[in-house]
N, C-alpha and C. Protein backbone atom coordinates (compact mmCIF):
# COMPACT_ATOMS: atom_id res chain seq x y z
N MET A 1 10.30 85.63 10.67
CA MET A 1 10.53 84.82 9.53
C MET A 1 11.69 83.80 9.74
N THR A 2 12.61 84.11 10.47
CA THR A 2 13.72 83.15 10.73
C THR A 2 13.24 81.97 11.65
N ASP A 3 12.19 82.30 12.42
CA ASP A 3 11.69 81.15 13.23
C ASP A 3 10.92 80.14 12.37
N GLU A 4 10.29 80.64 11.35
CA GLU A 4 9.54 79.79 10.38
C GLU A 4 10.53 78.94 9.58
N ARG A 5 11.68 79.49 9.13
CA ARG A 5 12.71 78.73 8.40
C ARG A 5 13.32 77.68 9.29
N ALA A 6 13.60 77.93 10.53
CA ALA A 6 14.14 76.96 11.49
C ALA A 6 13.19 75.82 11.67
N LYS A 7 11.87 76.06 11.75
CA LYS A 7 10.94 75.04 11.89
C LYS A 7 10.89 74.19 10.57
N ILE A 8 10.90 74.73 9.45
CA ILE A 8 10.87 73.95 8.18
C ILE A 8 12.18 73.17 8.07
N SER A 9 13.32 73.70 8.22
CA SER A 9 14.57 73.01 7.88
C SER A 9 14.84 71.98 8.98
N GLY A 10 14.37 71.95 10.10
CA GLY A 10 14.56 70.93 11.15
C GLY A 10 13.63 69.78 10.93
N SER A 11 12.65 69.75 10.09
CA SER A 11 11.68 68.66 10.02
C SER A 11 12.04 67.67 8.91
N GLY A 12 13.05 67.83 8.13
CA GLY A 12 13.37 66.96 7.01
C GLY A 12 14.60 66.06 7.37
N PHE A 13 14.91 65.16 6.41
CA PHE A 13 15.99 64.26 6.55
C PHE A 13 17.19 64.89 5.85
N THR A 14 18.44 64.61 6.36
CA THR A 14 19.57 65.11 5.70
C THR A 14 20.00 64.07 4.56
N LEU A 15 20.84 64.42 3.78
CA LEU A 15 21.33 63.52 2.69
C LEU A 15 21.98 62.30 3.29
N LEU A 16 22.79 62.53 4.29
CA LEU A 16 23.53 61.48 4.96
C LEU A 16 22.58 60.45 5.58
N GLU A 17 21.44 60.86 6.17
CA GLU A 17 20.49 60.01 6.78
C GLU A 17 19.76 59.19 5.68
N MET A 18 19.55 59.81 4.55
CA MET A 18 18.85 59.03 3.39
C MET A 18 19.82 57.94 2.93
N LEU A 19 21.11 58.23 2.81
CA LEU A 19 22.09 57.33 2.32
C LEU A 19 22.20 56.07 3.29
N VAL A 20 22.19 56.36 4.55
CA VAL A 20 22.36 55.32 5.50
C VAL A 20 21.03 54.44 5.45
N ALA A 21 19.87 55.00 5.31
CA ALA A 21 18.64 54.37 5.23
C ALA A 21 18.58 53.44 3.92
N LEU A 22 18.98 54.00 2.87
CA LEU A 22 19.06 53.24 1.64
C LEU A 22 20.01 52.05 1.68
N SER A 23 21.16 52.25 2.40
CA SER A 23 22.12 51.28 2.52
C SER A 23 21.57 50.05 3.35
N VAL A 24 20.90 50.39 4.44
CA VAL A 24 20.26 49.35 5.29
C VAL A 24 19.16 48.52 4.45
N ILE A 25 18.37 49.22 3.70
CA ILE A 25 17.29 48.59 2.93
C ILE A 25 17.97 47.68 1.85
N SER A 26 19.09 48.19 1.27
CA SER A 26 19.70 47.41 0.11
C SER A 26 20.27 46.12 0.76
N ILE A 27 20.96 46.19 1.83
CA ILE A 27 21.52 44.98 2.54
C ILE A 27 20.38 43.90 2.84
N ALA A 28 19.27 44.49 3.35
CA ALA A 28 18.15 43.56 3.71
C ALA A 28 17.57 42.89 2.39
N ALA A 29 17.46 43.68 1.25
CA ALA A 29 16.99 43.15 0.12
C ALA A 29 17.88 42.13 -0.45
N LEU A 30 19.21 42.31 -0.41
CA LEU A 30 20.19 41.29 -0.90
C LEU A 30 20.17 40.02 -0.03
N ALA A 31 19.87 40.18 1.23
CA ALA A 31 19.74 38.92 2.07
C ALA A 31 18.54 38.17 1.62
N LEU A 32 17.38 38.86 1.33
CA LEU A 32 16.22 38.12 0.95
C LEU A 32 16.41 37.52 -0.49
N VAL A 33 17.07 38.06 -1.35
CA VAL A 33 17.35 37.50 -2.65
C VAL A 33 18.21 36.22 -2.53
N ARG A 34 19.23 36.25 -1.70
CA ARG A 34 20.00 35.05 -1.39
C ARG A 34 19.12 33.91 -0.82
N LEU A 35 18.28 34.33 0.17
CA LEU A 35 17.45 33.31 0.78
C LEU A 35 16.47 32.71 -0.23
N ASP A 36 15.95 33.48 -1.17
CA ASP A 36 15.06 33.05 -2.16
C ASP A 36 15.81 32.01 -3.08
N ALA A 37 17.00 32.36 -3.51
CA ALA A 37 17.80 31.37 -4.35
C ALA A 37 18.07 30.11 -3.59
N TYR A 38 18.39 30.14 -2.30
CA TYR A 38 18.60 28.96 -1.43
C TYR A 38 17.36 28.09 -1.45
N ALA A 39 16.17 28.71 -1.34
CA ALA A 39 14.94 28.00 -1.30
C ALA A 39 14.64 27.35 -2.63
N VAL A 40 14.95 27.94 -3.68
CA VAL A 40 14.69 27.34 -4.99
C VAL A 40 15.62 26.14 -5.22
N ARG A 41 16.84 26.25 -4.81
CA ARG A 41 17.80 25.11 -4.94
C ARG A 41 17.37 23.97 -4.05
N THR A 42 16.94 24.27 -2.85
CA THR A 42 16.48 23.17 -1.92
C THR A 42 15.25 22.54 -2.41
N ALA A 43 14.39 23.23 -3.03
CA ALA A 43 13.11 22.60 -3.66
C ALA A 43 13.55 21.68 -4.80
N GLY A 44 14.53 22.12 -5.52
CA GLY A 44 14.98 21.18 -6.60
C GLY A 44 15.60 19.89 -6.12
N ASP A 45 16.44 20.03 -5.02
CA ASP A 45 17.02 18.90 -4.44
C ASP A 45 15.92 17.95 -3.84
N LEU A 46 14.93 18.52 -3.23
CA LEU A 46 13.85 17.75 -2.67
C LEU A 46 13.06 17.05 -3.72
N ASP A 47 12.86 17.63 -4.89
CA ASP A 47 12.28 16.99 -5.98
C ASP A 47 13.06 15.80 -6.48
N GLU A 48 14.35 15.94 -6.59
CA GLU A 48 15.21 14.83 -7.05
C GLU A 48 15.17 13.69 -6.07
N SER A 49 15.26 14.10 -4.77
CA SER A 49 15.24 13.05 -3.70
C SER A 49 13.95 12.34 -3.71
N THR A 50 12.79 13.01 -3.92
CA THR A 50 11.47 12.34 -3.96
C THR A 50 11.38 11.42 -5.16
N MET A 51 11.81 11.80 -6.27
CA MET A 51 11.81 11.01 -7.53
C MET A 51 12.76 9.79 -7.32
N ALA A 52 13.93 9.92 -6.74
CA ALA A 52 14.83 8.93 -6.48
C ALA A 52 14.17 7.78 -5.56
N GLY A 53 13.43 8.29 -4.59
CA GLY A 53 12.67 7.39 -3.76
C GLY A 53 11.69 6.57 -4.45
N ILE A 54 10.88 7.12 -5.36
CA ILE A 54 10.02 6.44 -6.20
C ILE A 54 10.65 5.48 -7.09
N VAL A 55 11.75 5.82 -7.69
CA VAL A 55 12.54 4.80 -8.51
C VAL A 55 13.06 3.68 -7.70
N ALA A 56 13.48 3.92 -6.48
CA ALA A 56 13.94 2.86 -5.56
C ALA A 56 12.84 1.97 -5.19
N GLN A 57 11.56 2.50 -4.97
CA GLN A 57 10.50 1.72 -4.65
C GLN A 57 10.02 0.81 -5.85
N ASN A 58 10.04 1.40 -7.10
CA ASN A 58 9.76 0.58 -8.23
C ASN A 58 10.73 -0.59 -8.38
N ARG A 59 12.05 -0.28 -8.12
CA ARG A 59 13.05 -1.38 -8.35
C ARG A 59 12.79 -2.45 -7.24
N ALA A 60 12.45 -1.96 -5.99
CA ALA A 60 12.16 -2.93 -4.93
C ALA A 60 11.03 -3.81 -5.32
N VAL A 61 9.96 -3.31 -5.89
CA VAL A 61 8.77 -4.15 -6.36
C VAL A 61 9.21 -5.11 -7.34
N GLU A 62 10.11 -4.69 -8.32
CA GLU A 62 10.57 -5.59 -9.41
C GLU A 62 11.30 -6.80 -8.69
N LEU A 63 12.21 -6.41 -7.77
CA LEU A 63 12.96 -7.52 -7.17
C LEU A 63 12.16 -8.33 -6.22
N TRP A 64 11.12 -7.88 -5.62
CA TRP A 64 10.27 -8.68 -4.77
C TRP A 64 9.40 -9.59 -5.57
N THR A 65 8.91 -9.14 -6.67
CA THR A 65 7.92 -9.98 -7.48
C THR A 65 8.64 -10.86 -8.46
N ASP A 66 9.90 -10.70 -8.67
CA ASP A 66 10.59 -11.62 -9.62
C ASP A 66 10.71 -13.00 -9.02
N PRO A 67 10.32 -13.99 -9.64
CA PRO A 67 10.31 -15.41 -9.12
C PRO A 67 11.79 -15.77 -8.74
N ALA A 68 12.69 -15.48 -9.64
CA ALA A 68 14.13 -15.83 -9.36
C ALA A 68 14.78 -14.83 -8.44
N PRO A 69 15.43 -15.26 -7.41
CA PRO A 69 16.08 -14.37 -6.59
C PRO A 69 17.29 -13.66 -7.17
N PRO A 70 17.69 -12.49 -6.86
CA PRO A 70 18.90 -11.83 -7.42
C PRO A 70 20.13 -12.51 -6.96
N THR A 71 21.15 -12.38 -7.71
CA THR A 71 22.45 -12.96 -7.32
C THR A 71 23.04 -12.15 -6.21
N ILE A 72 23.83 -12.83 -5.37
CA ILE A 72 24.46 -12.18 -4.30
C ILE A 72 25.55 -11.41 -4.73
N GLY A 73 25.73 -10.23 -4.21
CA GLY A 73 26.86 -9.32 -4.67
C GLY A 73 26.38 -7.86 -5.04
N ASN A 74 27.31 -7.08 -5.65
CA ASN A 74 26.98 -5.75 -5.97
C ASN A 74 26.71 -5.60 -7.44
N SER A 75 25.80 -4.72 -7.79
CA SER A 75 25.52 -4.49 -9.27
C SER A 75 24.87 -3.09 -9.38
N ALA A 76 24.98 -2.59 -10.59
CA ALA A 76 24.42 -1.28 -10.83
C ALA A 76 23.70 -1.33 -12.28
N ILE A 77 22.59 -0.62 -12.39
CA ILE A 77 21.85 -0.53 -13.68
C ILE A 77 21.41 0.88 -13.87
N GLY A 78 21.19 1.23 -15.14
CA GLY A 78 20.63 2.57 -15.43
C GLY A 78 19.09 2.39 -15.71
N VAL A 79 18.37 3.36 -15.15
CA VAL A 79 16.95 3.35 -15.37
C VAL A 79 16.48 4.73 -15.74
N ALA A 80 15.51 4.74 -16.65
CA ALA A 80 14.90 6.00 -17.14
C ALA A 80 13.48 6.07 -16.50
N ASN A 81 13.23 7.13 -15.81
CA ASN A 81 11.87 7.35 -15.12
C ASN A 81 11.71 8.87 -15.04
N ALA A 82 10.48 9.28 -15.28
CA ALA A 82 10.12 10.74 -15.23
C ALA A 82 10.95 11.61 -16.14
N GLY A 83 11.39 11.08 -17.22
CA GLY A 83 12.14 11.82 -18.19
C GLY A 83 13.56 12.11 -17.80
N ARG A 84 13.99 11.34 -16.72
CA ARG A 84 15.43 11.50 -16.19
C ARG A 84 16.03 10.18 -16.18
N ASN A 85 17.41 10.18 -16.28
CA ASN A 85 18.18 8.93 -16.09
C ASN A 85 18.67 8.75 -14.70
N TRP A 86 18.51 7.53 -14.17
CA TRP A 86 18.88 7.23 -12.74
C TRP A 86 19.89 6.10 -12.78
N ARG A 87 20.73 6.07 -11.76
CA ARG A 87 21.67 4.96 -11.49
C ARG A 87 21.19 4.22 -10.28
N VAL A 88 20.90 2.95 -10.45
CA VAL A 88 20.44 2.21 -9.32
C VAL A 88 21.53 1.18 -8.93
N GLU A 89 22.06 1.36 -7.73
CA GLU A 89 23.06 0.43 -7.23
C GLU A 89 22.44 -0.48 -6.21
N GLN A 90 22.65 -1.83 -6.35
CA GLN A 90 22.05 -2.73 -5.43
C GLN A 90 23.10 -3.65 -4.84
N ARG A 91 22.92 -3.96 -3.59
CA ARG A 91 23.84 -4.88 -2.92
C ARG A 91 22.97 -5.93 -2.26
N VAL A 92 23.20 -7.18 -2.72
CA VAL A 92 22.45 -8.36 -2.22
C VAL A 92 23.30 -9.22 -1.31
N ALA A 93 22.80 -9.44 -0.14
CA ALA A 93 23.65 -10.17 0.87
C ALA A 93 22.69 -11.22 1.61
N LYS A 94 23.30 -12.31 2.04
CA LYS A 94 22.64 -13.22 2.87
C LYS A 94 22.37 -12.64 4.18
N THR A 95 21.35 -13.19 4.93
CA THR A 95 20.99 -12.77 6.27
C THR A 95 21.32 -13.95 7.18
N ALA A 96 21.06 -13.75 8.45
CA ALA A 96 21.34 -14.81 9.42
C ALA A 96 20.37 -16.01 9.12
N ASP A 97 19.26 -15.76 8.53
CA ASP A 97 18.28 -16.79 8.12
C ASP A 97 18.57 -17.09 6.70
N ASN A 98 19.00 -18.33 6.34
CA ASN A 98 19.33 -18.61 4.95
C ASN A 98 18.13 -18.54 3.96
N ALA A 99 16.96 -18.47 4.53
CA ALA A 99 15.74 -18.35 3.65
C ALA A 99 15.44 -16.98 3.24
N LEU A 100 16.25 -15.97 3.65
CA LEU A 100 16.05 -14.54 3.35
C LEU A 100 17.28 -13.89 2.79
N LEU A 101 17.01 -12.87 1.90
CA LEU A 101 18.10 -12.09 1.39
C LEU A 101 17.89 -10.64 1.70
N ARG A 102 18.88 -9.95 2.03
CA ARG A 102 18.90 -8.53 2.24
C ARG A 102 19.32 -7.79 1.01
N ILE A 103 18.50 -6.86 0.51
CA ILE A 103 18.85 -6.05 -0.72
C ILE A 103 18.84 -4.57 -0.34
N ASP A 104 19.93 -3.95 -0.52
CA ASP A 104 20.16 -2.49 -0.28
C ASP A 104 20.20 -1.84 -1.65
N LEU A 105 19.36 -0.88 -1.79
CA LEU A 105 19.19 -0.10 -3.06
C LEU A 105 19.62 1.36 -2.76
N ARG A 106 20.48 1.85 -3.66
CA ARG A 106 20.81 3.30 -3.65
C ARG A 106 20.57 3.90 -4.95
N VAL A 107 19.76 4.90 -5.16
CA VAL A 107 19.37 5.50 -6.37
C VAL A 107 19.82 6.93 -6.36
N ARG A 108 20.54 7.29 -7.55
CA ARG A 108 20.98 8.66 -7.71
C ARG A 108 20.70 9.11 -9.09
N PRO A 109 20.45 10.31 -9.39
CA PRO A 109 20.37 10.76 -10.72
C PRO A 109 21.64 10.86 -11.47
N GLN A 110 21.59 10.58 -12.75
CA GLN A 110 22.79 10.66 -13.52
C GLN A 110 23.62 12.01 -13.32
N SER A 111 22.73 13.08 -13.30
CA SER A 111 23.29 14.40 -13.00
C SER A 111 22.34 15.12 -11.97
N GLY A 112 22.95 15.48 -10.88
CA GLY A 112 22.18 16.08 -9.74
C GLY A 112 22.62 15.63 -8.47
N ARG A 113 21.90 16.08 -7.39
CA ARG A 113 22.42 15.80 -6.12
C ARG A 113 21.50 14.96 -5.24
N GLY A 114 20.25 14.76 -5.54
CA GLY A 114 19.32 13.99 -4.73
C GLY A 114 19.57 12.53 -4.86
N GLN A 115 19.30 11.81 -3.82
CA GLN A 115 19.43 10.45 -3.75
C GLN A 115 18.52 9.74 -2.85
N ALA A 116 18.30 8.41 -2.91
CA ALA A 116 17.44 7.71 -2.01
C ALA A 116 18.08 6.35 -1.70
N VAL A 117 17.92 5.87 -0.47
CA VAL A 117 18.39 4.54 0.03
C VAL A 117 17.24 3.78 0.49
N LEU A 118 17.08 2.50 0.11
CA LEU A 118 16.07 1.65 0.51
C LEU A 118 16.54 0.24 0.72
N THR A 119 16.12 -0.42 1.81
CA THR A 119 16.47 -1.72 2.10
C THR A 119 15.21 -2.65 2.18
N ILE A 120 15.30 -3.81 1.46
CA ILE A 120 14.19 -4.75 1.58
C ILE A 120 14.77 -6.13 1.91
N ILE A 121 13.83 -7.00 2.40
CA ILE A 121 14.16 -8.37 2.70
C ILE A 121 13.22 -9.20 1.81
N ARG A 122 13.80 -10.19 1.16
CA ARG A 122 12.96 -11.07 0.35
C ARG A 122 13.39 -12.53 0.50
N PRO A 123 12.51 -13.42 0.08
CA PRO A 123 12.85 -14.88 0.21
C PRO A 123 14.10 -15.24 -0.73
N SER A 124 14.87 -16.08 -0.36
CA SER A 124 15.98 -16.42 -1.28
C SER A 124 15.63 -17.52 -2.22
N ARG A 125 14.43 -18.03 -2.23
CA ARG A 125 13.96 -18.99 -3.19
C ARG A 125 12.71 -18.56 -3.79
């Protein structure tokens, strides 16, 4: 009978082994939760950057199709698009060719982290 008890008691896990196993699983689960939160935040930043790029392209089309060239210098305007408010900063400068203007656009959300930068060249007349 003692041989049977020895066989039965040697086949299970001790309490210490179970606590160590649960600790390792808990640490792995916490790492996965942090990774998931990082992925969600990154997806939000990517969404803002994509929308900022679209707003920059819209502003570039407006500047390109306007018959009157923009004034040389720096300016900033507020734009509403996709239910959000954006700040569009533009810098207009002459190029080596006097018939062309370089326009640098930087678009940022009023609140958030995403941004987009776009440069276009348009006729100065």
